[in-house]
C-alpha atoms as a PDB file:
ATOM      1  CA  UNK A   1      -2.612-141.631 -26.653  1.00  0.00           C
ATOM      2  CA  UNK A   2      -6.111-142.978 -26.792  1.00  0.00           C
ATOM      3  CA  UNK A   3      -5.455-146.362 -25.197  1.00  0.00           C
ATOM      4  CA  UNK A   4      -9.113-147.419 -24.902  1.00  0.00           C
ATOM      5  CA  UNK A   5      -9.473-147.060 -28.636  1.00  0.00           C
ATOM      6  CA  UNK A   6      -6.100-148.669 -29.425  1.00  0.00           C
ATOM      7  CA  UNK A   7      -6.891-151.615 -27.175  1.00  0.00           C
ATOM      8  CA  UNK A   8     -10.077-152.233 -29.157  1.00  0.00           C
ATOM      9  CA  UNK A   9      -8.171-151.936 -32.424  1.00  0.00           C
ATOM     10  CA  UNK A  10      -5.560-154.395 -31.164  1.00  0.00           C
ATOM     11  CA  UNK A  11      -8.277-156.851 -30.111  1.00  0.00           C
ATOM     12  CA  UNK A  12      -9.697-156.683 -33.637  1.00  0.00           C
ATOM     13  CA  UNK A  13      -6.434-158.182 -34.934  1.00  0.00           C
ATOM     14  CA  UNK A  14      -6.796-161.328 -32.844  1.00  0.00           C
ATOM     15  CA  UNK A  15      -9.616-163.772 -32.427  1.00  0.00           C
ATOM     16  CA  UNK A  16      -9.923-165.221 -28.941  1.00  0.00           C
ATOM     17  CA  UNK A  17      -6.859-163.327 -27.678  1.00  0.00           C
ATOM     18  CA  UNK A  18      -6.643-163.498 -23.901  1.00  0.00           C
ATOM     19  CA  UNK A  19      -6.194-160.077 -22.324  1.00  0.00           C
ATOM     20  CA  UNK A  20      -4.473-159.500 -19.023  1.00  0.00           C
ATOM     21  CA  UNK A  21      -7.245-158.187 -16.814  1.00  0.00           C
ATOM     22  CA  UNK A  22      -5.211-157.781 -13.630  1.00  0.00           C
ATOM     23  CA  UNK A  23      -3.879-154.487 -14.952  1.00  0.00           C
ATOM     24  CA  UNK A  24      -5.771-151.308 -14.119  1.00  0.00           C
ATOM     25  CA  UNK A  25      -5.748-149.028 -17.127  1.00  0.00           C
ATOM     26  CA  UNK A  26      -6.266-149.681 -20.846  1.00  0.00           C
ATOM     27  CA  UNK A  27      -2.666-148.572 -21.389  1.00  0.00           C
ATOM     28  CA  UNK A  28      -1.368-151.202 -18.954  1.00  0.00           C
ATOM     29  CA  UNK A  29      -3.616-153.902 -20.425  1.00  0.00           C
ATOM     30  CA  UNK A  30      -2.500-153.110 -23.977  1.00  0.00           C
ATOM     31  CA  UNK A  31       1.204-152.960 -23.169  1.00  0.00           C
ATOM     32  CA  UNK A  32       1.175-156.101 -21.032  1.00  0.00           C
ATOM     33  CA  UNK A  33      -0.773-158.006 -23.698  1.00  0.00           C
ATOM     34  CA  UNK A  34       1.693-156.941 -26.397  1.00  0.00           C
ATOM     35  CA  UNK A  35       4.605-157.877 -24.136  1.00  0.00           C
ATOM     36  CA  UNK A  36       3.105-161.350 -23.599  1.00  0.00           C
ATOM     37  CA  UNK A  37       2.715-161.647 -27.363  1.00  0.00           C
ATOM     38  CA  UNK A  38       6.344-160.702 -28.029  1.00  0.00           C
ATOM     39  CA  UNK A  39       7.572-163.121 -25.370  1.00  0.00           C
ATOM     40  CA  UNK A  40       5.276-165.795 -26.836  1.00  0.00           C
ATOM     41  CA  UNK A  41       3.861-166.497 -23.381  1.00  0.00           C
ATOM     42  CA  UNK A  42       0.629-167.809 -24.892  1.00  0.00           C
ATOM     43  CA  UNK A  43       2.488-170.806 -26.349  1.00  0.00           C
ATOM     44  CA  UNK A  44       3.867-173.870 -24.626  1.00  0.00           C
ATOM     45  CA  UNK A  45       7.540-173.315 -23.662  1.00  0.00           C
ATOM     46  CA  UNK A  46       8.789-176.030 -26.028  1.00  0.00           C
ATOM     47  CA  UNK A  47       7.263-174.375 -29.094  1.00  0.00           C
ATOM     48  CA  UNK A  48       7.940-170.728 -28.308  1.00  0.00           C
ATOM     49  CA  UNK A  49       9.448-168.597 -31.035  1.00  0.00           C
ATOM     50  CA  UNK A  50      12.201-166.055 -30.629  1.00  0.00           C
ATOM     51  CA  UNK A  51      11.524-162.478 -29.639  1.00  0.00           C
ATOM     52  CA  UNK A  52      12.572-161.292 -33.098  1.00  0.00           C
ATOM     53  CA  UNK A  53      10.326-163.748 -34.904  1.00  0.00           C
ATOM     54  CA  UNK A  54       7.334-162.760 -32.784  1.00  0.00           C
ATOM     55  CA  UNK A  55       8.099-159.072 -33.372  1.00  0.00           C
ATOM     56  CA  UNK A  56       8.248-159.635 -37.133  1.00  0.00           C
ATOM     57  CA  UNK A  57       4.966-161.564 -37.096  1.00  0.00           C
ATOM     58  CA  UNK A  58       3.229-158.888 -35.014  1.00  0.00           C
ATOM     59  CA  UNK A  59       4.344-156.039 -37.276  1.00  0.00           C
ATOM     60  CA  UNK A  60       3.367-158.020 -40.353  1.00  0.00           C
ATOM     61  CA  UNK A  61      -0.088-158.739 -38.892  1.00  0.00           C
ATOM     62  CA  UNK A  62      -0.608-155.053 -38.145  1.00  0.00           C
ATOM     63  CA  UNK A  63       0.563-153.943 -41.604  1.00  0.00           C
ATOM     64  CA  UNK A  64      -1.675-156.443 -43.374  1.00  0.00           C
ATOM     65  CA  UNK A  65      -4.723-155.551 -41.298  1.00  0.00           C
ATOM     66  CA  UNK A  66      -7.581-153.291 -42.341  1.00  0.00           C
ATOM     67  CA  UNK A  67      -6.792-150.753 -39.622  1.00  0.00           C
ATOM     68  CA  UNK A  68      -6.397-147.135 -40.650  1.00  0.00           C
ATOM     69  CA  UNK A  69      -2.765-146.051 -41.163  1.00  0.00           C
ATOM     70  CA  UNK A  70      -2.703-143.873 -38.028  1.00  0.00           C
ATOM     71  CA  UNK A  71      -3.776-146.793 -35.829  1.00  0.00           C
ATOM     72  CA  UNK A  72      -1.224-149.072 -37.470  1.00  0.00           C
ATOM     73  CA  UNK A  73       1.488-146.506 -36.819  1.00  0.00           C
ATOM     74  CA  UNK A  74       0.570-146.128 -33.145  1.00  0.00           C
ATOM     75  CA  UNK A  75       0.396-149.888 -32.532  1.00  0.00           C
ATOM     76  CA  UNK A  76       3.716-150.429 -34.312  1.00  0.00           C
ATOM     77  CA  UNK A  77       5.255-147.642 -32.230  1.00  0.00           C
ATOM     78  CA  UNK A  78       4.141-149.364 -29.024  1.00  0.00           C
ATOM     79  CA  UNK A  79       5.541-152.682 -30.299  1.00  0.00           C
ATOM     80  CA  UNK A  80       8.893-151.049 -31.096  1.00  0.00           C
ATOM     81  CA  UNK A  81       9.072-149.397 -27.680  1.00  0.00           C
ATOM     82  CA  UNK A  82       8.323-152.659 -25.882  1.00  0.00           C
ATOM     83  CA  UNK A  83      10.730-154.570 -28.107  1.00  0.00           C
ATOM     84  CA  UNK A  84      13.523-152.163 -27.171  1.00  0.00           C
ATOM     85  CA  UNK A  85      12.731-152.600 -23.476  1.00  0.00           C
ATOM     86  CA  UNK A  86      12.722-156.381 -23.776  1.00  0.00           C
ATOM     87  CA  UNK A  87      15.993-156.406 -25.743  1.00  0.00           C
ATOM     88  CA  UNK A  88      17.725-154.274 -23.139  1.00  0.00           C
ATOM     89  CA  UNK A  89      16.748-156.767 -20.413  1.00  0.00           C
ATOM     90  CA  UNK A  90      18.509-159.644 -22.190  1.00  0.00           C
END
């Protein structure tokens, strides 16, 4: 996958989204940022939403974006993969 490109596409979906810069590669940055999004780590613990609600919102945001279909498909695929990993940990 072209993670540099996908990371830029992902950033275009969010204004002022904080990226995890401690990771080394664009793939790690993208996946860790999506994981933080799904776990709602950017919100205060008392107002965090469920994993499923965050997943739904993320997929909806991607689908409603102006990204080309191929980019949408790749980002959704990464979200699904991470969602499955997170679900299996619970």
